[in-house]
Amino acid sequence: MPTCKTKHKTAKKYPHELSNQQWKQLKKLVPQPKKQAQGPGRNPLDLRQVINAILYVMRSGCSWAVLPNDYPNYKSVYHYYNSWSKAGYWQEIHVKLVTKVHKKTGRKKRPTASAIDSQSIKTTQIGGEEGGFDAGKLVKGHKRFILVNTLGLLLAVKVVAASVSQKAGAKLLIEKIWANCLLKELCGKLELVWVDAGYSGDDLYDWIATLTGWLWEVVKRSDSKHKFVLLPRRWVVERSFSWLSFHRRLLKDYEKLTRNSESTLYISMLPMMLRRLN
């Protein structure tokens, strides 16, 4: 009697997952798991699947506990996410990819111009570090300060309480850059930074010039225009916030630790940079 042959359907590939070419680029940069000594013990997880799972959380906005069964156990995935954040690996990977994208596009290895801005974001009822209230935006939670190059790629991120002013937050971001070898090297050739009127003030200009030597250029809105207008140079950083908003995990800050909040932004930029390297 003839037997029926059934085809086993493979699990559908999720749109966010890394292609073979993208993984080839990223594999060189991620820290490799330690090899297990001979004897009993679990083998290291497939890092490609671990990173795909982390990207799934960022893109879909789901909690770690409801990761699809296609991926490794969520506790193991979160362990990689959190431990790499603690060790600064996500930031390190990001910096290396930014440099690669610059080289790919024929630009200088390190940028000479950038833009800075902030975004207030709600946190959950659980709260966490650096909670505050932004009276201007009426937001209780965190404030993200980002520095981007002219391509819109992140150069550095600093997450603070939402109550921190723009001028104070900019100082904290720059202090972070100057205290970190990788970020200081990446931003070491900057000459010009575009900002909005909230970052103006002679005291800030003097502080920036003394520490970094950067030219701090304020791009102001015209009082004669009463509708939305794209401001020269300033639109670059606004576009970066728009790109990040496609990742639902970033629409609210679910992290208890600000270092993890910063890591979510670096992780969410990975797919776009990898696409540009293809």
C-alpha atoms as a PDB file:
ATOM      1  CA  MET A   1       0.000   0.000   0.000  1.00  0.00           C
ATOM      2  CA  PRO A   2       1.530   3.345  -0.999  1.00  0.00           C
ATOM      3  CA  THR A   3       2.396   5.719   1.787  1.00  0.00           C
ATOM      4  CA  CYS A   4       1.552   9.390   1.749  1.00  0.00           C
ATOM      5  CA  LYS A   5       4.484  11.699   1.872  1.00  0.00           C
ATOM      6  CA  THR A   6       3.860  14.873   3.839  1.00  0.00           C
ATOM      7  CA  LYS A   7       5.981  17.942   3.524  1.00  0.00           C
ATOM      8  CA  HIS A   8       7.097  19.483   6.789  1.00  0.00           C
ATOM      9  CA  LYS A   9       6.562  23.204   6.642  1.00  0.00           C
ATOM     10  CA  THR A  10       9.307  25.279   8.106  1.00  0.00           C
ATOM     11  CA  ALA A  11       8.430  28.120  10.477  1.00  0.00           C
ATOM     12  CA  LYS A  12       7.788  31.378   8.652  1.00  0.00           C
ATOM     13  CA  LYS A  13      10.696  33.775   8.753  1.00  0.00           C
ATOM     14  CA  TYR A  14       9.769  36.982  10.582  1.00  0.00           C
ATOM     15  CA  PRO A  15      10.306  40.214   8.608  1.00  0.00           C
ATOM     16  CA  HIS A  16      12.699  41.681  11.168  1.00  0.00           C
ATOM     17  CA  GLU A  17      15.158  38.763  11.157  1.00  0.00           C
ATOM     18  CA  LEU A  18      18.730  39.148   9.962  1.00  0.00           C
ATOM     19  CA  SER A  19      19.569  37.974   6.464  1.00  0.00           C
ATOM     20  CA  ASN A  20      22.614  35.789   5.855  1.00  0.00           C
ATOM     21  CA  GLN A  21      24.563  38.793   4.610  1.00  0.00           C
ATOM     22  CA  GLN A  22      23.560  40.926   7.591  1.00  0.00           C
ATOM     23  CA  TRP A  23      24.500  38.185  10.043  1.00  0.00           C
ATOM     24  CA  LYS A  24      27.845  37.803   8.283  1.00  0.00           C
ATOM     25  CA  GLN A  25      28.536  41.479   8.995  1.00  0.00           C
ATOM     26  CA  LEU A  26      27.317  41.335  12.601  1.00  0.00           C
ATOM     27  CA  LYS A  27      28.891  38.013  13.550  1.00  0.00           C
ATOM     28  CA  LYS A  28      32.359  39.560  13.373  1.00  0.00           C
ATOM     29  CA  LEU A  29      31.418  42.149  15.986  1.00  0.00           C
ATOM     30  CA  VAL A  30      29.448  40.261  18.644  1.00  0.00           C
ATOM     31  CA  PRO A  31      31.258  38.659  21.615  1.00  0.00           C
ATOM     32  CA  GLN A  32      31.446  34.907  21.112  1.00  0.00           C
ATOM     33  CA  PRO A  33      30.189  32.591  23.901  1.00  0.00           C
ATOM     34  CA  LYS A  34      32.752  30.612  25.831  1.00  0.00           C
ATOM     35  CA  LYS A  35      33.223  27.035  24.674  1.00  0.00           C
ATOM     36  CA  GLN A  36      31.976  24.412  27.083  1.00  0.00           C
ATOM     37  CA  ALA A  37      34.610  22.187  28.649  1.00  0.00           C
ATOM     38  CA  GLN A  38      34.325  18.480  27.920  1.00  0.00           C
ATOM     39  CA  GLY A  39      31.713  16.810  30.063  1.00  0.00           C
ATOM     40  CA  PRO A  40      28.048  17.428  30.895  1.00  0.00           C
ATOM     41  CA  GLY A  41      26.594  20.839  30.294  1.00  0.00           C
ATOM     42  CA  ARG A  42      24.489  22.815  27.854  1.00  0.00           C
ATOM     43  CA  ASN A  43      25.904  23.969  24.555  1.00  0.00           C
ATOM     44  CA  PRO A  44      25.984  27.735  23.870  1.00  0.00           C
ATOM     45  CA  LEU A  45      22.887  29.164  22.207  1.00  0.00           C
ATOM     46  CA  ASP A  46      22.809  30.153  18.560  1.00  0.00           C
ATOM     47  CA  LEU A  47      23.715  33.846  18.786  1.00  0.00           C
ATOM     48  CA  ARG A  48      21.943  34.649  15.529  1.00  0.00           C
ATOM     49  CA  GLN A  49      18.677  33.369  16.983  1.00  0.00           C
ATOM     50  CA  VAL A  50      19.301  35.198  20.258  1.00  0.00           C
ATOM     51  CA  ILE A  51      19.765  38.515  18.443  1.00  0.00           C
ATOM     52  CA  ASN A  52      16.738  37.816  16.215  1.00  0.00           C
ATOM     53  CA  ALA A  53      14.702  37.274  19.390  1.00  0.00           C
ATOM     54  CA  ILE A  54      15.927  40.563  20.887  1.00  0.00           C
ATOM     55  CA  LEU A  55      15.076  42.377  17.645  1.00  0.00           C
ATOM     56  CA  TYR A  56      11.614  40.758  17.765  1.00  0.00           C
ATOM     57  CA  VAL A  57      10.996  42.314  21.194  1.00  0.00           C
ATOM     58  CA  MET A  58      12.197  45.725  20.019  1.00  0.00           C
ATOM     59  CA  ARG A  59      10.124  45.672  16.841  1.00  0.00           C
ATOM     60  CA  SER A  60       6.899  44.140  18.179  1.00  0.00           C
ATOM     61  CA  GLY A  61       6.901  45.680  21.659  1.00  0.00           C
ATOM     62  CA  CYS A  62       6.009  42.391  23.349  1.00  0.00           C
ATOM     63  CA  SER A  63       7.292  41.377  26.774  1.00  0.00           C
ATOM     64  CA  TRP A  64      10.190  38.945  27.068  1.00  0.00           C
ATOM     65  CA  ALA A  65       7.975  36.200  28.513  1.00  0.00           C
ATOM     66  CA  VAL A  66       5.799  35.975  25.381  1.00  0.00           C
ATOM     67  CA  LEU A  67       8.571  35.444  22.840  1.00  0.00           C
ATOM     68  CA  PRO A  68       7.466  32.934  20.165  1.00  0.00           C
ATOM     69  CA  ASN A  69       8.589  29.332  20.606  1.00  0.00           C
ATOM     70  CA  ASP A  70      10.693  29.701  17.453  1.00  0.00           C
ATOM     71  CA  TYR A  71      13.300  31.401  19.595  1.00  0.00           C
ATOM     72  CA  PRO A  72      15.389  30.247  22.568  1.00  0.00           C
ATOM     73  CA  ASN A  73      13.940  30.436  26.087  1.00  0.00           C
ATOM     74  CA  TYR A  74      13.137  34.052  26.953  1.00  0.00           C
ATOM     75  CA  LYS A  75      15.170  33.924  30.175  1.00  0.00           C
ATOM     76  CA  SER A  76      18.278  32.997  28.199  1.00  0.00           C
ATOM     77  CA  VAL A  77      17.560  35.689  25.609  1.00  0.00           C
ATOM     78  CA  TYR A  78      17.091  38.330  28.307  1.00  0.00           C
ATOM     79  CA  HIS A  79      20.315  37.196  29.978  1.00  0.00           C
ATOM     80  CA  TYR A  80      22.262  38.001  26.798  1.00  0.00           C
ATOM     81  CA  TYR A  81      20.445  41.312  26.359  1.00  0.00           C
ATOM     82  CA  ASN A  82      21.052  42.428  29.951  1.00  0.00           C
ATOM     83  CA  SER A  83      24.618  41.136  30.374  1.00  0.00           C
ATOM     84  CA  TRP A  84      25.750  42.677  27.057  1.00  0.00           C
ATOM     85  CA  SER A  85      24.149  45.947  28.145  1.00  0.00           C
ATOM     86  CA  LYS A  86      25.990  45.833  31.472  1.00  0.00           C
ATOM     87  CA  ALA A  87      29.298  45.115  29.718  1.00  0.00           C
ATOM     88  CA  GLY A  88      28.731  47.893  27.142  1.00  0.00           C
ATOM     89  CA  TYR A  89      28.738  45.491  24.187  1.00  0.00           C
ATOM     90  CA  TRP A  90      25.658  46.969  22.476  1.00  0.00           C
ATOM     91  CA  GLN A  91      27.282  50.401  22.468  1.00  0.00           C
ATOM     92  CA  GLU A  92      30.572  48.932  21.234  1.00  0.00           C
ATOM     93  CA  ILE A  93      28.869  47.049  18.378  1.00  0.00           C
ATOM     94  CA  HIS A  94      26.969  50.202  17.429  1.00  0.00           C
ATOM     95  CA  VAL A  95      30.090  52.358  17.294  1.00  0.00           C
ATOM     96  CA  LYS A  96      31.870  49.836  15.039  1.00  0.00           C
ATOM     97  CA  LEU A  97      28.892  49.673  12.678  1.00  0.00           C
ATOM     98  CA  VAL A  98      28.645  53.477  12.443  1.00  0.00           C
ATOM     99  CA  THR A  99      32.310  53.548  11.398  1.00  0.00           C
ATOM    100  CA  LYS A 100      31.658  50.836   8.787  1.00  0.00           C
ATOM    101  CA  VAL A 101      28.672  52.735   7.358  1.00  0.00           C
ATOM    102  CA  HIS A 102      30.781  55.899   7.081  1.00  0.00           C
ATOM    103  CA  LYS A 103      33.417  53.984   5.156  1.00  0.00           C
ATOM    104  CA  LYS A 104      30.790  52.328   2.926  1.00  0.00           C
ATOM    105  CA  THR A 105      29.266  55.690   1.974  1.00  0.00           C
ATOM    106  CA  GLY A 106      32.647  57.213   1.190  1.00  0.00           C
ATOM    107  CA  ARG A 107      32.625  59.550   4.167  1.00  0.00           C
ATOM    108  CA  LYS A 108      35.348  60.189   6.695  1.00  0.00           C
ATOM    109  CA  LYS A 109      35.750  57.566   9.403  1.00  0.00           C
ATOM    110  CA  ARG A 110      34.587  60.010  12.068  1.00  0.00           C
ATOM    111  CA  PRO A 111      31.911  62.704  11.572  1.00  0.00           C
ATOM    112  CA  THR A 112      32.638  66.437  11.690  1.00  0.00           C
ATOM    113  CA  ALA A 113      29.056  67.689  12.081  1.00  0.00           C
ATOM    114  CA  SER A 114      26.108  66.491  14.179  1.00  0.00           C
ATOM    115  CA  ALA A 115      22.820  67.453  15.803  1.00  0.00           C
ATOM    116  CA  ILE A 116      21.448  66.973  19.298  1.00  0.00           C
ATOM    117  CA  ASP A 117      17.915  66.856  20.686  1.00  0.00           C
ATOM    118  CA  SER A 118      15.826  65.177  23.373  1.00  0.00           C
ATOM    119  CA  GLN A 119      12.603  63.208  23.650  1.00  0.00           C
ATOM    120  CA  SER A 120      10.471  62.763  26.763  1.00  0.00           C
ATOM    121  CA  ILE A 121       9.033  59.269  27.119  1.00  0.00           C
ATOM    122  CA  LYS A 122       6.647  57.701  29.609  1.00  0.00           C
ATOM    123  CA  THR A 123       7.769  54.897  31.901  1.00  0.00           C
ATOM    124  CA  THR A 124       5.636  52.101  33.332  1.00  0.00           C
ATOM    125  CA  GLN A 125       4.091  52.092  36.796  1.00  0.00           C
ATOM    126  CA  ILE A 126       7.006  49.944  37.964  1.00  0.00           C
ATOM    127  CA  GLY A 127       9.294  52.938  37.460  1.00  0.00           C
ATOM    128  CA  GLY A 128      13.020  52.516  37.886  1.00  0.00           C
ATOM    129  CA  GLU A 129      16.061  54.753  37.885  1.00  0.00           C
ATOM    130  CA  GLU A 130      15.936  58.468  37.173  1.00  0.00           C
ATOM    131  CA  GLY A 131      12.168  58.989  37.209  1.00  0.00           C
ATOM    132  CA  GLY A 132      10.898  62.554  36.798  1.00  0.00           C
ATOM    133  CA  PHE A 133       8.198  64.827  35.353  1.00  0.00           C
ATOM    134  CA  ASP A 134       8.608  67.028  32.280  1.00  0.00           C
ATOM    135  CA  ALA A 135       6.335  69.983  33.036  1.00  0.00           C
ATOM    136  CA  GLY A 136       6.593  71.302  29.462  1.00  0.00           C
ATOM    137  CA  LYS A 137       5.530  68.056  27.744  1.00  0.00           C
ATOM    138  CA  LEU A 138       3.422  66.808  30.707  1.00  0.00           C
ATOM    139  CA  VAL A 139       5.251  63.482  30.642  1.00  0.00           C
ATOM    140  CA  LYS A 140       6.218  61.446  33.695  1.00  0.00           C
ATOM    141  CA  GLY A 141       9.192  59.238  32.999  1.00  0.00           C
ATOM    142  CA  HIS A 142      12.529  59.596  31.213  1.00  0.00           C
ATOM    143  CA  LYS A 143      14.145  61.944  28.725  1.00  0.00           C
ATOM    144  CA  ARG A 144      16.358  60.609  25.938  1.00  0.00           C
ATOM    145  CA  PHE A 145      19.174  62.829  24.702  1.00  0.00           C
ATOM    146  CA  ILE A 146      20.703  61.723  21.414  1.00  0.00           C
ATOM    147  CA  LEU A 147      23.585  62.983  19.295  1.00  0.00           C
ATOM    148  CA  VAL A 148      23.374  62.008  15.616  1.00  0.00           C
ATOM    149  CA  ASN A 149      25.566  62.506  12.561  1.00  0.00           C
ATOM    150  CA  THR A 150      24.391  64.009   9.262  1.00  0.00           C
ATOM    151  CA  LEU A 151      23.192  60.552   8.135  1.00  0.00           C
ATOM    152  CA  GLY A 152      20.891  60.410  11.158  1.00  0.00           C
ATOM    153  CA  LEU A 153      22.842  57.590  12.831  1.00  0.00           C
ATOM    154  CA  LEU A 154      23.244  57.655  16.595  1.00  0.00           C
ATOM    155  CA  LEU A 155      26.615  58.726  17.917  1.00  0.00           C
ATOM    156  CA  ALA A 156      25.719  58.692  21.612  1.00  0.00           C
ATOM    157  CA  VAL A 157      22.688  58.355  23.904  1.00  0.00           C
ATOM    158  CA  LYS A 158      22.009  59.487  27.456  1.00  0.00           C
ATOM    159  CA  VAL A 159      18.787  58.655  29.341  1.00  0.00           C
ATOM    160  CA  VAL A 160      17.937  60.796  32.359  1.00  0.00           C
ATOM    161  CA  ALA A 161      14.897  61.857  34.385  1.00  0.00           C
ATOM    162  CA  ALA A 162      12.239  63.700  32.376  1.00  0.00           C
ATOM    163  CA  SER A 163      12.607  66.662  34.753  1.00  0.00           C
ATOM    164  CA  VAL A 164      16.180  67.368  33.567  1.00  0.00           C
ATOM    165  CA  SER A 165      16.391  70.524  31.441  1.00  0.00           C
ATOM    166  CA  GLN A 166      17.715  70.490  27.880  1.00  0.00           C
ATOM    167  CA  LYS A 167      20.892  72.363  28.799  1.00  0.00           C
ATOM    168  CA  ALA A 168      21.627  70.106  31.787  1.00  0.00           C
ATOM    169  CA  GLY A 169      20.884  66.976  29.747  1.00  0.00           C
ATOM    170  CA  ALA A 170      23.199  68.083  26.941  1.00  0.00           C
ATOM    171  CA  LYS A 171      25.993  68.518  29.482  1.00  0.00           C
ATOM    172  CA  LEU A 172      25.367  65.022  30.873  1.00  0.00           C
ATOM    173  CA  LEU A 173      25.478  63.544  27.369  1.00  0.00           C
ATOM    174  CA  ILE A 174      28.740  65.281  26.510  1.00  0.00           C
ATOM    175  CA  GLU A 175      30.284  64.328  29.861  1.00  0.00           C
ATOM    176  CA  LYS A 176      29.371  60.718  29.086  1.00  0.00           C
ATOM    177  CA  ILE A 177      31.039  60.962  25.676  1.00  0.00           C
ATOM    178  CA  TRP A 178      34.207  62.442  27.146  1.00  0.00           C
ATOM    179  CA  ALA A 179      34.374  59.756  29.862  1.00  0.00           C
ATOM    180  CA  ASN A 180      34.042  56.865  27.391  1.00  0.00           C
ATOM    181  CA  CYS A 181      37.024  56.001  25.186  1.00  0.00           C
ATOM    182  CA  LEU A 182      34.944  54.571  22.307  1.00  0.00           C
ATOM    183  CA  LEU A 183      32.477  57.477  22.188  1.00  0.00           C
ATOM    184  CA  LYS A 184      35.206  60.081  22.578  1.00  0.00           C
ATOM    185  CA  GLU A 185      37.118  58.578  19.659  1.00  0.00           C
ATOM    186  CA  LEU A 186      33.969  58.414  17.496  1.00  0.00           C
ATOM    187  CA  CYS A 187      33.124  62.063  18.249  1.00  0.00           C
ATOM    188  CA  GLY A 188      36.723  63.264  18.383  1.00  0.00           C
ATOM    189  CA  LYS A 189      36.598  65.027  14.994  1.00  0.00           C
ATOM    190  CA  LEU A 190      33.313  66.871  15.563  1.00  0.00           C
ATOM    191  CA  GLU A 191      33.475  70.588  14.858  1.00  0.00           C
ATOM    192  CA  LEU A 192      29.842  71.669  14.596  1.00  0.00           C
ATOM    193  CA  VAL A 193      26.670  70.728  16.496  1.00  0.00           C
ATOM    194  CA  TRP A 194      23.203  71.984  15.515  1.00  0.00           C
ATOM    195  CA  VAL A 195      20.678  72.471  18.323  1.00  0.00           C
ATOM    196  CA  ASP A 196      17.369  74.231  18.970  1.00  0.00           C
ATOM    197  CA  ALA A 197      16.781  77.334  21.093  1.00  0.00           C
ATOM    198  CA  GLY A 198      16.386  75.266  24.272  1.00  0.00           C
ATOM    199  CA  TYR A 199      20.136  74.641  24.253  1.00  0.00           C
ATOM    200  CA  SER A 200      21.147  78.309  24.061  1.00  0.00           C
ATOM    201  CA  GLY A 201      23.006  80.338  26.682  1.00  0.00           C
ATOM    202  CA  ASP A 202      26.460  81.870  27.024  1.00  0.00           C
ATOM    203  CA  ASP A 203      27.243  79.670  30.027  1.00  0.00           C
ATOM    204  CA  LEU A 204      26.580  76.527  27.955  1.00  0.00           C
ATOM    205  CA  TYR A 205      28.513  77.835  24.939  1.00  0.00           C
ATOM    206  CA  ASP A 206      31.553  78.551  27.101  1.00  0.00           C
ATOM    207  CA  TRP A 207      31.356  75.155  28.814  1.00  0.00           C
ATOM    208  CA  ILE A 208      31.107  73.328  25.465  1.00  0.00           C
ATOM    209  CA  ALA A 209      33.954  75.305  23.899  1.00  0.00           C
ATOM    210  CA  THR A 210      36.240  74.745  26.893  1.00  0.00           C
ATOM    211  CA  LEU A 211      35.632  70.993  27.128  1.00  0.00           C
ATOM    212  CA  THR A 212      35.265  69.994  23.469  1.00  0.00           C
ATOM    213  CA  GLY A 213      36.078  72.921  21.187  1.00  0.00           C
ATOM    214  CA  TRP A 214      32.804  72.309  19.285  1.00  0.00           C
ATOM    215  CA  LEU A 215      30.894  75.139  17.642  1.00  0.00           C
ATOM    216  CA  TRP A 216      27.376  75.162  19.112  1.00  0.00           C
ATOM    217  CA  GLU A 217      24.999  76.514  16.452  1.00  0.00           C
ATOM    218  CA  VAL A 218      21.401  77.294  17.449  1.00  0.00           C
ATOM    219  CA  VAL A 219      18.841  76.853  14.656  1.00  0.00           C
ATOM    220  CA  LYS A 220      15.839  79.006  15.565  1.00  0.00           C
ATOM    221  CA  ARG A 221      12.289  78.979  14.249  1.00  0.00           C
ATOM    222  CA  SER A 222      11.045  82.015  12.358  1.00  0.00           C
ATOM    223  CA  ASP A 223       8.450  84.046  14.279  1.00  0.00           C
ATOM    224  CA  SER A 224       6.745  84.957  10.990  1.00  0.00           C
ATOM    225  CA  LYS A 225       5.755  81.358  10.222  1.00  0.00           C
ATOM    226  CA  HIS A 226       2.837  79.839  12.122  1.00  0.00           C
ATOM    227  CA  LYS A 227       2.795  76.358  10.617  1.00  0.00           C
ATOM    228  CA  PHE A 228       5.097  73.347  10.706  1.00  0.00           C
ATOM    229  CA  VAL A 229       8.326  73.997   8.831  1.00  0.00           C
ATOM    230  CA  LEU A 230      11.350  71.724   8.426  1.00  0.00           C
ATOM    231  CA  LEU A 231      14.245  73.560  10.010  1.00  0.00           C
ATOM    232  CA  PRO A 232      17.631  73.390   8.263  1.00  0.00           C
ATOM    233  CA  ARG A 233      19.861  70.688   9.776  1.00  0.00           C
ATOM    234  CA  ARG A 234      17.521  70.174  12.747  1.00  0.00           C
ATOM    235  CA  TRP A 235      15.285  67.829  10.731  1.00  0.00           C
ATOM    236  CA  VAL A 236      18.082  65.227  10.738  1.00  0.00           C
ATOM    237  CA  VAL A 237      17.722  64.441  14.446  1.00  0.00           C
ATOM    238  CA  GLU A 238      13.916  64.571  14.209  1.00  0.00           C
ATOM    239  CA  ARG A 239      14.111  61.956  11.449  1.00  0.00           C
ATOM    240  CA  SER A 240      16.209  59.733  13.737  1.00  0.00           C
ATOM    241  CA  PHE A 241      13.503  59.855  16.412  1.00  0.00           C
ATOM    242  CA  SER A 242      10.983  58.984  13.691  1.00  0.00           C
ATOM    243  CA  TRP A 243      13.018  55.915  12.658  1.00  0.00           C
ATOM    244  CA  LEU A 244      13.199  54.755  16.271  1.00  0.00           C
ATOM    245  CA  SER A 245       9.423  55.108  16.672  1.00  0.00           C
ATOM    246  CA  PHE A 246       8.914  52.153  14.287  1.00  0.00           C
ATOM    247  CA  HIS A 247      10.146  49.971  17.154  1.00  0.00           C
ATOM    248  CA  ARG A 248       7.158  49.622  19.442  1.00  0.00           C
ATOM    249  CA  ARG A 249       9.295  48.722  22.426  1.00  0.00           C
ATOM    250  CA  LEU A 250      10.587  52.310  22.368  1.00  0.00           C
ATOM    251  CA  LEU A 251       7.173  53.993  22.483  1.00  0.00           C
ATOM    252  CA  LYS A 252       7.309  53.605  26.270  1.00  0.00           C
ATOM    253  CA  ASP A 253      10.333  52.966  28.468  1.00  0.00           C
ATOM    254  CA  TYR A 254       9.853  49.551  30.095  1.00  0.00           C
ATOM    255  CA  GLU A 255      13.377  49.326  31.517  1.00  0.00           C
ATOM    256  CA  LYS A 256      14.253  49.676  35.197  1.00  0.00           C
ATOM    257  CA  LEU A 257      17.888  50.559  34.446  1.00  0.00           C
ATOM    258  CA  THR A 258      18.814  53.573  32.322  1.00  0.00           C
ATOM    259  CA  ARG A 259      21.752  51.666  30.805  1.00  0.00           C
ATOM    260  CA  ASN A 260      19.234  49.170  29.402  1.00  0.00           C
ATOM    261  CA  SER A 261      17.088  52.053  28.163  1.00  0.00           C
ATOM    262  CA  GLU A 262      20.096  53.351  26.245  1.00  0.00           C
ATOM    263  CA  SER A 263      20.847  49.867  24.896  1.00  0.00           C
ATOM    264  CA  THR A 264      17.354  49.589  23.386  1.00  0.00           C
ATOM    265  CA  LEU A 265      18.147  52.557  21.140  1.00  0.00           C
ATOM    266  CA  TYR A 266      21.475  51.105  20.015  1.00  0.00           C
ATOM    267  CA  ILE A 267      19.836  47.714  19.304  1.00  0.00           C
ATOM    268  CA  SER A 268      16.990  49.287  17.332  1.00  0.00           C
ATOM    269  CA  MET A 269      19.495  51.017  15.041  1.00  0.00           C
ATOM    270  CA  LEU A 270      21.237  47.735  14.155  1.00  0.00           C
ATOM    271  CA  PRO A 271      18.950  46.553  11.287  1.00  0.00           C
ATOM    272  CA  MET A 272      19.078  49.883   9.462  1.00  0.00           C
ATOM    273  CA  MET A 273      22.880  50.083   9.600  1.00  0.00           C
ATOM    274  CA  LEU A 274      23.235  46.453   8.509  1.00  0.00           C
ATOM    275  CA  ARG A 275      20.944  47.111   5.530  1.00  0.00           C
ATOM    276  CA  ARG A 276      23.178  49.996   4.485  1.00  0.00           C
ATOM    277  CA  LEU A 277      26.201  47.695   4.538  1.00  0.00           C
ATOM    278  CA  ASN A 278      24.619  45.163   2.129  1.00  0.00           C
END
